[in-house]
Amino acid sequence: MLSGLMNFLKVCFWPRSDSYVKSSDAGGRQDGLLWYKDSGQHVNGDFSMAVVQANNLLEDQSQLESGCLSLDESGPYGTFVGVYDGHGGPETSRYINVQLFQHLKKFTSEHQSMSEEVIRKAFNATEEGFTSIVRKQWPVKPQLAAVGSCCLVGIICNGNLYIANLGDSRAVLGRLVKATGEVLAIQLSAEHNACFESVRQELHSFHPDDPQIVVLKHNVWRVKGLIQISRSIGDVYLKKAEFNREPLFAKFRLREPIKRPILSSDPAISVHQLQPHDQFIIFASDGLWEHLSNQEAVDIVQKHPHNGSAKRLVKTALQEAAKKREMRYSDLKKIDRGVRRHFHDDITVIVVFIDSNLVSKASTVKGPNLSVKGGGISIPSNTLAPSA
């Protein structure tokens, strides 16, 4: 726990002397507010990553880890993808980016295999770790209790694709239909957002004694009138009564005491056996899906070379965002972070291409470990929690 705390403090508190958050892979490039890695190899194929920043501090974090998925080198081997869309600040998504994969490797070693149970334990350990950070920081940074993050994870291991999700990021599979040559978009993750009737019904079923569990506010459905998502890591002010009090800002505090957690940190997990006609998976924060449909995104990927796929998706989304505001893309690019948030969200995209020949070998054949973390512009700051 202490090492986790020190890592978190290192990532979030210490001022940086450089201008950029650097990828652990030197291949990432920066173009204004856009960071991208056009191509790279993972044990199951190749991949492409891109991140565009809109907030003053980048709240999206992301990573791709390839190779050994356990603490010892005996395996299993595979590919881990994470997209973490923060809200209220960057602290939770940064913490997940440091801790979640390490927890996964620990539990994979203990169980000596990959499984839904291993993934769930890794999520739970990450949630508990961040809650511990909030508790320690409460006297000096109480607003950290109102910071949280969506968490979308994909793991390719032993011929299976595991998808685990909290919040409203999305994973979409591109599957070839041999009879027609089309590549169909298949959504693999369910979104935990109160805009969906099914999510509102789930919330009402968990809180039958609270008619105000979901409120329509400014034409948007929000949990307790505060937040759109129903599951997350962090947001502990809506999970534990000890944090729903002063000195937390009044706008976050509920009038009635919390009897049970309002938000959940339990991920929805599904397992898909990969088929030879499964071509690629797009993992992206909701900033992409605000502007592109599943099929539009899949069409863009399949109609162009693998190289630069993620950047191509991000740029198309930005062009759509500019068009909605009757602007040119070239003018949108000139708007700086912070102000840019009025036009679009932080957007993270990771496109993972699947080579079926490699998938069959990758879980048992030892290969080089690769770690790539999405980048963005950073500004020197010792301030963690959001200000009033």
Protein backbone atom coordinates (compact mmCIF):
# COMPACT_ATOMS: atom_id res chain seq x y z
CA MET A 1 0.00 0.00 0.00
CA LEU A 2 2.86 2.40 0.87
CA SER A 3 4.54 1.83 -2.50
CA GLY A 4 1.22 2.52 -4.22
CA LEU A 5 0.87 5.77 -2.28
CA MET A 6 4.39 6.89 -3.19
CA ASN A 7 3.83 6.10 -6.88
CA PHE A 8 0.60 8.08 -6.83
CA LEU A 9 2.19 11.07 -5.13
CA LYS A 10 5.08 10.94 -7.59
CA VAL A 11 2.73 10.99 -10.57
CA CYS A 12 0.34 13.65 -9.30
CA PHE A 13 2.10 15.96 -6.85
CA TRP A 14 5.64 16.47 -8.03
CA PRO A 15 6.06 19.37 -10.46
CA ARG A 16 7.50 18.53 -13.86
CA SER A 17 10.35 20.42 -15.43
CA ASP A 18 9.48 19.22 -18.92
CA SER A 19 6.52 20.23 -21.08
CA TYR A 20 5.17 16.81 -21.93
CA VAL A 21 4.04 13.61 -20.31
CA LYS A 22 6.23 11.11 -22.12
CA SER A 23 5.22 7.66 -23.29
CA SER A 24 7.32 4.84 -21.94
CA ASP A 25 7.83 4.01 -25.61
CA ALA A 26 9.93 6.61 -27.45
CA GLY A 27 7.82 6.21 -30.61
CA GLY A 28 5.02 8.50 -29.44
CA ARG A 29 4.85 11.94 -31.09
CA GLN A 30 3.21 15.24 -30.17
CA ASP A 31 1.39 17.56 -32.59
CA GLY A 32 -0.02 20.43 -30.54
CA LEU A 33 -2.63 18.89 -28.26
CA LEU A 34 -2.55 15.59 -30.17
CA TRP A 35 -0.27 12.75 -29.03
CA TYR A 36 -0.06 9.67 -31.23
CA LYS A 37 1.79 6.45 -31.88
CA ASP A 38 0.90 5.38 -35.40
CA SER A 39 2.08 1.79 -35.19
CA GLY A 40 3.50 -0.75 -32.80
CA GLN A 41 3.67 -4.51 -32.32
CA HIS A 42 2.01 -6.49 -29.54
CA VAL A 43 2.15 -10.25 -29.08
CA ASN A 44 -1.19 -10.73 -30.87
CA GLY A 45 -0.70 -8.35 -33.80
CA ASP A 46 -0.16 -4.61 -34.20
CA PHE A 47 -1.75 -1.50 -32.70
CA SER A 48 -2.21 2.24 -33.01
CA MET A 49 -2.80 4.85 -30.26
CA ALA A 50 -3.82 8.50 -30.15
CA VAL A 51 -4.86 11.01 -27.47
CA VAL A 52 -6.09 14.57 -27.93
CA GLN A 53 -6.31 16.85 -24.93
CA ALA A 54 -9.19 19.26 -24.31
CA ASN A 55 -9.03 19.87 -20.55
CA ASN A 56 -6.40 22.09 -18.94
CA LEU A 57 -5.07 18.93 -17.28
CA LEU A 58 -5.47 15.76 -19.34
CA GLU A 59 -8.08 13.62 -17.58
CA ASP A 60 -7.83 10.67 -20.00
CA GLN A 61 -5.09 8.11 -19.31
CA SER A 62 -4.33 4.99 -21.30
CA GLN A 63 -1.90 2.12 -21.66
CA LEU A 64 -1.05 -0.93 -23.72
CA GLU A 65 0.97 -3.70 -22.08
CA SER A 66 2.14 -6.68 -24.09
CA GLY A 67 4.05 -9.79 -23.04
CA CYS A 68 3.92 -11.44 -19.64
CA LEU A 69 0.67 -10.84 -17.74
CA SER A 70 1.96 -12.13 -14.40
CA LEU A 71 4.72 -11.19 -11.96
CA ASP A 72 6.83 -14.20 -12.88
CA GLU A 73 7.98 -14.86 -16.43
CA SER A 74 6.20 -18.22 -16.67
CA GLY A 75 3.15 -16.52 -18.22
CA PRO A 76 0.47 -16.43 -19.33
CA TYR A 77 1.37 -14.03 -22.12
CA GLY A 78 -0.95 -11.66 -23.91
CA THR A 79 -2.04 -8.07 -24.46
CA PHE A 80 -3.57 -5.68 -21.92
CA VAL A 81 -5.33 -2.47 -23.01
CA GLY A 82 -6.65 0.20 -20.64
CA VAL A 83 -8.58 3.41 -21.29
CA TYR A 84 -9.29 5.52 -18.20
CA ASP A 85 -11.54 8.56 -18.64
CA GLY A 86 -11.26 10.73 -15.54
CA HIS A 87 -13.70 13.36 -14.28
CA GLY A 88 -13.35 16.04 -11.64
CA GLY A 89 -9.58 15.97 -12.17
CA PRO A 90 -6.80 13.68 -13.46
CA GLU A 91 -5.87 11.99 -10.17
CA THR A 92 -7.98 8.83 -10.34
CA SER A 93 -7.18 8.03 -13.97
CA ARG A 94 -3.48 8.58 -13.29
CA TYR A 95 -3.65 6.29 -10.28
CA ILE A 96 -5.36 3.54 -12.31
CA ASN A 97 -2.72 3.91 -15.03
CA VAL A 98 -0.02 3.16 -12.46
CA GLN A 99 -1.73 0.53 -10.33
CA LEU A 100 -4.35 -1.56 -12.17
CA PHE A 101 -2.03 -3.59 -14.40
CA GLN A 102 0.28 -4.30 -11.47
CA HIS A 103 -2.65 -5.64 -9.47
CA LEU A 104 -3.69 -7.77 -12.44
CA LYS A 105 -0.20 -9.29 -12.71
CA LYS A 106 -0.20 -10.06 -8.98
CA PHE A 107 -3.54 -11.89 -9.05
CA THR A 108 -2.67 -13.68 -12.31
CA SER A 109 0.46 -15.02 -10.58
CA GLU A 110 -1.55 -16.15 -7.56
CA HIS A 111 -4.17 -17.93 -9.68
CA GLN A 112 -1.62 -19.02 -12.33
CA SER A 113 -4.12 -18.11 -15.05
CA MET A 114 -6.24 -15.29 -16.47
CA SER A 115 -9.90 -15.27 -15.46
CA GLU A 116 -12.89 -13.06 -14.68
CA GLU A 117 -12.09 -13.50 -10.98
CA VAL A 118 -8.52 -12.23 -11.49
CA ILE A 119 -9.79 -9.14 -13.34
CA ARG A 120 -12.45 -8.40 -10.73
CA LYS A 121 -9.88 -8.68 -7.93
CA ALA A 122 -7.56 -6.27 -9.75
CA PHE A 123 -10.37 -3.71 -10.13
CA ASN A 124 -11.36 -4.07 -6.46
CA ALA A 125 -7.75 -3.68 -5.28
CA THR A 126 -7.41 -0.51 -7.39
CA GLU A 127 -10.62 0.93 -5.94
CA GLU A 128 -9.50 0.13 -2.39
CA GLY A 129 -6.08 1.63 -3.03
CA PHE A 130 -7.50 4.91 -4.31
CA THR A 131 -9.99 5.08 -1.44
CA SER A 132 -7.04 4.70 0.94
CA ILE A 133 -5.29 7.62 -0.80
CA VAL A 134 -8.42 9.78 -0.42
CA ARG A 135 -8.66 8.89 3.28
CA LYS A 136 -5.00 9.83 3.88
CA GLN A 137 -5.34 13.09 1.92
CA TRP A 138 -8.75 14.06 3.38
CA PRO A 139 -7.40 16.62 5.91
CA VAL A 140 -5.47 18.56 3.23
CA LYS A 141 -7.14 17.64 -0.11
CA PRO A 142 -10.77 16.79 0.69
CA GLN A 143 -11.93 17.53 -2.88
CA LEU A 144 -10.04 14.41 -4.00
CA ALA A 145 -13.13 12.54 -2.78
CA ALA A 146 -15.05 13.99 -5.75
CA VAL A 147 -12.55 12.81 -8.38
CA GLY A 148 -13.22 9.58 -10.26
CA SER A 149 -12.66 7.72 -13.50
CA CYS A 150 -14.32 5.39 -15.96
CA CYS A 151 -12.25 2.28 -16.58
CA LEU A 152 -12.31 0.17 -19.75
CA VAL A 153 -9.97 -2.82 -20.00
CA GLY A 154 -9.38 -5.39 -22.73
CA ILE A 155 -7.17 -8.46 -22.31
CA ILE A 156 -6.24 -10.92 -25.06
CA CYS A 157 -5.03 -14.17 -23.49
CA ASN A 158 -5.31 -17.87 -24.39
CA GLY A 159 -7.39 -17.09 -27.46
CA ASN A 160 -9.96 -15.18 -25.41
CA LEU A 161 -10.79 -11.50 -25.33
CA TYR A 162 -11.80 -10.29 -21.86
CA ILE A 163 -13.65 -6.97 -21.66
CA ALA A 164 -14.11 -5.27 -18.28
CA ASN A 165 -15.85 -1.94 -17.99
CA LEU A 166 -16.94 0.74 -15.52
CA GLY A 167 -18.54 3.88 -16.96
CA ASP A 168 -19.15 4.96 -20.54
CA SER A 169 -15.98 4.27 -22.52
CA ARG A 170 -16.58 1.69 -25.25
CA ALA A 171 -14.95 -1.29 -26.97
CA VAL A 172 -16.08 -2.13 -30.50
CA LEU A 173 -15.03 -5.19 -32.50
CA GLY A 174 -14.59 -5.16 -36.28
CA ARG A 175 -15.63 -8.58 -37.62
CA LEU A 176 -15.29 -9.63 -41.26
CA VAL A 177 -18.36 -11.15 -42.93
CA LYS A 178 -16.77 -13.41 -45.54
CA ALA A 179 -19.92 -13.77 -47.63
CA THR A 180 -20.10 -10.03 -48.32
CA GLY A 181 -16.61 -8.75 -47.49
CA GLU A 182 -18.11 -6.25 -45.06
CA VAL A 183 -16.61 -5.55 -41.67
CA LEU A 184 -19.39 -5.27 -39.10
CA ALA A 185 -19.18 -3.26 -35.88
CA ILE A 186 -20.02 -5.26 -32.75
CA GLN A 187 -20.16 -3.38 -29.45
CA LEU A 188 -18.50 -5.43 -26.71
CA SER A 189 -19.08 -3.22 -23.67
CA ALA A 190 -22.23 -1.92 -22.01
CA GLU A 191 -22.19 1.71 -20.88
CA HIS A 192 -23.07 2.63 -17.32
CA ASN A 193 -24.64 5.99 -18.05
CA ALA A 194 -27.94 7.25 -16.67
CA CYS A 195 -29.03 8.33 -20.15
CA PHE A 196 -29.92 4.66 -20.75
CA GLU A 197 -33.27 3.43 -19.42
CA SER A 198 -31.71 0.10 -18.40
CA VAL A 199 -29.17 1.89 -16.19
CA ARG A 200 -31.88 4.01 -14.56
CA GLN A 201 -33.90 0.85 -13.86
CA GLU A 202 -30.82 -0.81 -12.35
CA LEU A 203 -30.27 2.19 -10.06
CA HIS A 204 -33.91 2.16 -8.96
CA SER A 205 -33.72 -1.57 -8.22
CA PHE A 206 -30.61 -1.06 -6.06
CA HIS A 207 -32.17 1.96 -4.29
CA PRO A 208 -35.90 1.21 -4.03
CA ASP A 209 -36.31 3.60 -1.09
CA ASP A 210 -34.84 6.60 -2.96
CA PRO A 211 -37.15 8.14 -5.60
CA GLN A 212 -34.48 10.77 -6.32
CA ILE A 213 -31.70 8.31 -7.16
CA VAL A 214 -31.85 9.57 -10.76
CA VAL A 215 -32.85 13.15 -11.58
CA LEU A 216 -33.47 14.83 -14.94
CA LYS A 217 -31.43 18.02 -14.69
CA HIS A 218 -31.06 20.47 -17.61
CA ASN A 219 -32.45 17.72 -19.86
CA VAL A 220 -29.72 15.28 -18.77
CA TRP A 221 -30.28 12.26 -16.52
CA ARG A 222 -27.88 12.33 -13.56
CA VAL A 223 -27.36 10.06 -10.57
CA LYS A 224 -28.49 12.14 -7.54
CA GLY A 225 -28.47 15.10 -9.92
CA LEU A 226 -24.64 15.08 -9.83
CA ILE A 227 -23.06 12.59 -12.22
CA GLN A 228 -24.07 10.73 -15.38
CA ILE A 229 -22.24 7.44 -14.84
CA SER A 230 -23.40 4.79 -12.37
CA ARG A 231 -20.11 2.88 -12.01
CA SER A 232 -16.57 4.15 -11.57
CA ILE A 233 -13.32 3.95 -9.67
CA GLY A 234 -13.06 6.82 -7.18
CA ASP A 235 -16.00 9.21 -6.63
CA VAL A 236 -15.84 8.02 -3.02
CA TYR A 237 -18.10 10.89 -1.89
CA LEU A 238 -20.94 8.87 -3.46
CA LYS A 239 -19.81 5.55 -2.00
CA LYS A 240 -18.85 6.16 1.62
CA ALA A 241 -20.67 8.37 4.12
CA GLU A 242 -17.41 9.48 5.77
CA PHE A 243 -16.54 11.59 2.70
CA ASN A 244 -19.98 13.15 2.10
CA ARG A 245 -19.52 15.99 4.57
CA GLU A 246 -17.56 19.17 5.17
CA PRO A 247 -15.00 20.25 4.10
CA LEU A 248 -16.12 18.75 0.76
CA PHE A 249 -17.64 21.52 -1.35
CA ALA A 250 -21.37 21.94 -0.72
CA LYS A 251 -22.21 21.28 -4.39
CA PHE A 252 -21.06 17.66 -3.94
CA ARG A 253 -22.68 16.98 -0.57
CA LEU A 254 -25.99 15.15 -0.34
CA ARG A 255 -28.66 16.33 2.07
CA GLU A 256 -29.40 12.84 3.37
CA PRO A 257 -26.76 10.43 4.75
CA ILE A 258 -25.52 7.63 2.49
CA LYS A 259 -26.95 4.31 3.67
CA ARG A 260 -25.40 2.25 0.88
CA PRO A 261 -22.99 3.10 -1.97
CA ILE A 262 -24.75 5.12 -4.68
CA LEU A 263 -22.17 4.32 -7.35
CA SER A 264 -20.65 0.88 -7.91
CA SER A 265 -17.04 -0.10 -8.57
CA ASP A 266 -17.97 -3.63 -9.71
CA PRO A 267 -16.98 -4.02 -13.38
CA ALA A 268 -19.15 -5.63 -16.02
CA ILE A 269 -16.97 -8.44 -17.46
CA SER A 270 -17.52 -10.47 -20.62
CA VAL A 271 -15.41 -13.13 -22.33
CA HIS A 272 -15.28 -13.63 -26.10
CA GLN A 273 -13.48 -16.45 -27.86
CA LEU A 274 -11.62 -14.82 -30.74
CA GLN A 275 -12.45 -16.08 -34.23
CA PRO A 276 -10.27 -15.92 -37.37
CA HIS A 277 -12.65 -13.32 -38.87
CA ASP A 278 -12.25 -10.94 -35.90
CA GLN A 279 -10.10 -8.17 -37.38
CA PHE A 280 -9.56 -5.48 -34.74
CA ILE A 281 -10.94 -3.86 -31.58
CA ILE A 282 -11.38 -0.12 -31.05
CA PHE A 283 -11.05 0.96 -27.41
CA ALA A 284 -12.04 4.59 -26.88
CA SER A 285 -13.28 7.07 -24.30
CA ASP A 286 -16.73 8.55 -24.85
CA GLY A 287 -15.16 11.63 -26.44
CA LEU A 288 -14.86 9.63 -29.67
CA TRP A 289 -18.34 8.12 -29.57
CA GLU A 290 -19.94 11.56 -29.15
CA HIS A 291 -19.01 12.20 -32.77
CA LEU A 292 -18.79 8.79 -34.48
CA SER A 293 -21.09 5.78 -34.54
CA ASN A 294 -19.69 2.27 -34.03
CA GLN A 295 -19.99 1.43 -37.72
CA GLU A 296 -18.51 4.75 -38.85
CA ALA A 297 -15.46 4.13 -36.69
CA VAL A 298 -15.06 0.53 -37.92
CA ASP A 299 -15.41 1.67 -41.56
CA ILE A 300 -12.65 4.26 -41.11
CA VAL A 301 -10.28 1.66 -39.68
CA GLN A 302 -10.98 -1.09 -42.22
CA LYS A 303 -10.82 1.17 -45.31
CA HIS A 304 -7.30 2.46 -44.54
CA PRO A 305 -3.88 1.00 -43.68
CA HIS A 306 -3.30 -0.07 -40.07
CA ASN A 307 -0.65 2.61 -39.65
CA GLY A 308 -2.15 5.74 -38.05
CA SER A 309 -5.61 4.25 -37.47
CA ALA A 310 -6.11 5.77 -34.02
CA LYS A 311 -4.96 9.21 -35.11
CA ARG A 312 -7.29 8.99 -38.13
CA LEU A 313 -10.25 8.28 -35.84
CA VAL A 314 -9.38 11.15 -33.50
CA LYS A 315 -8.98 13.61 -36.39
CA THR A 316 -12.30 12.55 -37.90
CA ALA A 317 -14.00 13.11 -34.54
CA LEU A 318 -12.39 16.56 -34.26
CA GLN A 319 -13.53 17.44 -37.77
CA GLU A 320 -17.08 16.48 -36.76
CA ALA A 321 -16.78 18.57 -33.58
CA ALA A 322 -15.64 21.57 -35.64
CA LYS A 323 -18.44 21.07 -38.16
CA LYS A 324 -21.05 21.09 -35.38
CA ARG A 325 -19.79 24.53 -34.35
CA GLU A 326 -19.59 25.72 -37.98
CA MET A 327 -15.80 25.91 -37.77
CA ARG A 328 -12.92 24.60 -39.80
CA TYR A 329 -10.74 21.88 -38.30
CA SER A 330 -7.70 24.12 -38.81
CA ASP A 331 -9.33 26.79 -36.61
CA LEU A 332 -10.26 24.27 -33.91
CA LYS A 333 -6.62 23.15 -33.71
CA LYS A 334 -5.60 26.69 -32.73
CA ILE A 335 -7.76 26.68 -29.60
CA ASP A 336 -5.75 25.91 -26.47
CA ARG A 337 -6.46 23.33 -23.79
CA GLY A 338 -9.04 24.37 -21.23
CA VAL A 339 -10.97 26.50 -23.72
CA ARG A 340 -10.93 23.50 -26.08
CA ARG A 341 -13.16 21.61 -23.63
CA HIS A 342 -16.09 23.75 -24.80
CA PHE A 343 -15.77 22.10 -28.22
CA HIS A 344 -14.91 18.48 -27.41
CA ASP A 345 -13.78 16.20 -24.59
CA ASP A 346 -10.38 14.60 -24.08
CA ILE A 347 -10.36 11.74 -26.59
CA THR A 348 -8.35 8.52 -26.28
CA VAL A 349 -8.32 5.80 -28.95
CA ILE A 350 -6.43 2.51 -29.05
CA VAL A 351 -6.93 0.27 -32.09
CA VAL A 352 -5.72 -3.30 -31.53
CA PHE A 353 -5.38 -5.42 -34.66
CA ILE A 354 -5.63 -9.18 -34.24
CA ASP A 355 -3.45 -11.68 -36.10
CA SER A 356 -5.18 -15.05 -35.62
CA ASN A 357 -1.90 -16.91 -36.27
CA LEU A 358 -0.23 -15.02 -33.43
CA VAL A 359 -3.22 -15.36 -31.08
CA SER A 360 -2.90 -19.14 -31.12
CA LYS A 361 0.77 -18.96 -30.08
CA ALA A 362 0.95 -15.82 -27.92
CA SER A 363 -0.30 -17.24 -24.61
CA THR A 364 2.49 -19.82 -24.39
CA VAL A 365 5.38 -18.35 -26.39
CA LYS A 366 7.53 -15.96 -24.39
CA GLY A 367 8.04 -12.65 -26.16
CA PRO A 368 9.45 -9.22 -25.31
CA ASN A 369 7.49 -7.08 -22.86
CA LEU A 370 6.17 -3.78 -24.22
CA SER A 371 4.62 -0.90 -22.27
CA VAL A 372 3.15 2.19 -23.95
CA LYS A 373 1.25 4.90 -22.11
CA GLY A 374 -0.71 7.58 -23.91
CA GLY A 375 0.68 11.08 -23.58
CA GLY A 376 -0.52 14.65 -23.51
CA ILE A 377 0.60 18.14 -22.57
CA SER A 378 1.18 18.65 -18.86
CA ILE A 379 1.58 21.89 -16.95
CA PRO A 380 3.69 22.10 -13.78
CA SER A 381 1.30 21.97 -10.87
CA ASN A 382 1.25 20.96 -7.21
CA THR A 383 -2.54 21.29 -7.11
CA LEU A 384 -4.39 18.00 -7.12
CA ALA A 385 -8.02 18.48 -6.21
CA PRO A 386 -10.36 20.71 -8.26
CA SER A 387 -10.70 24.22 -6.97
CA ALA A 388 -14.00 25.88 -6.13
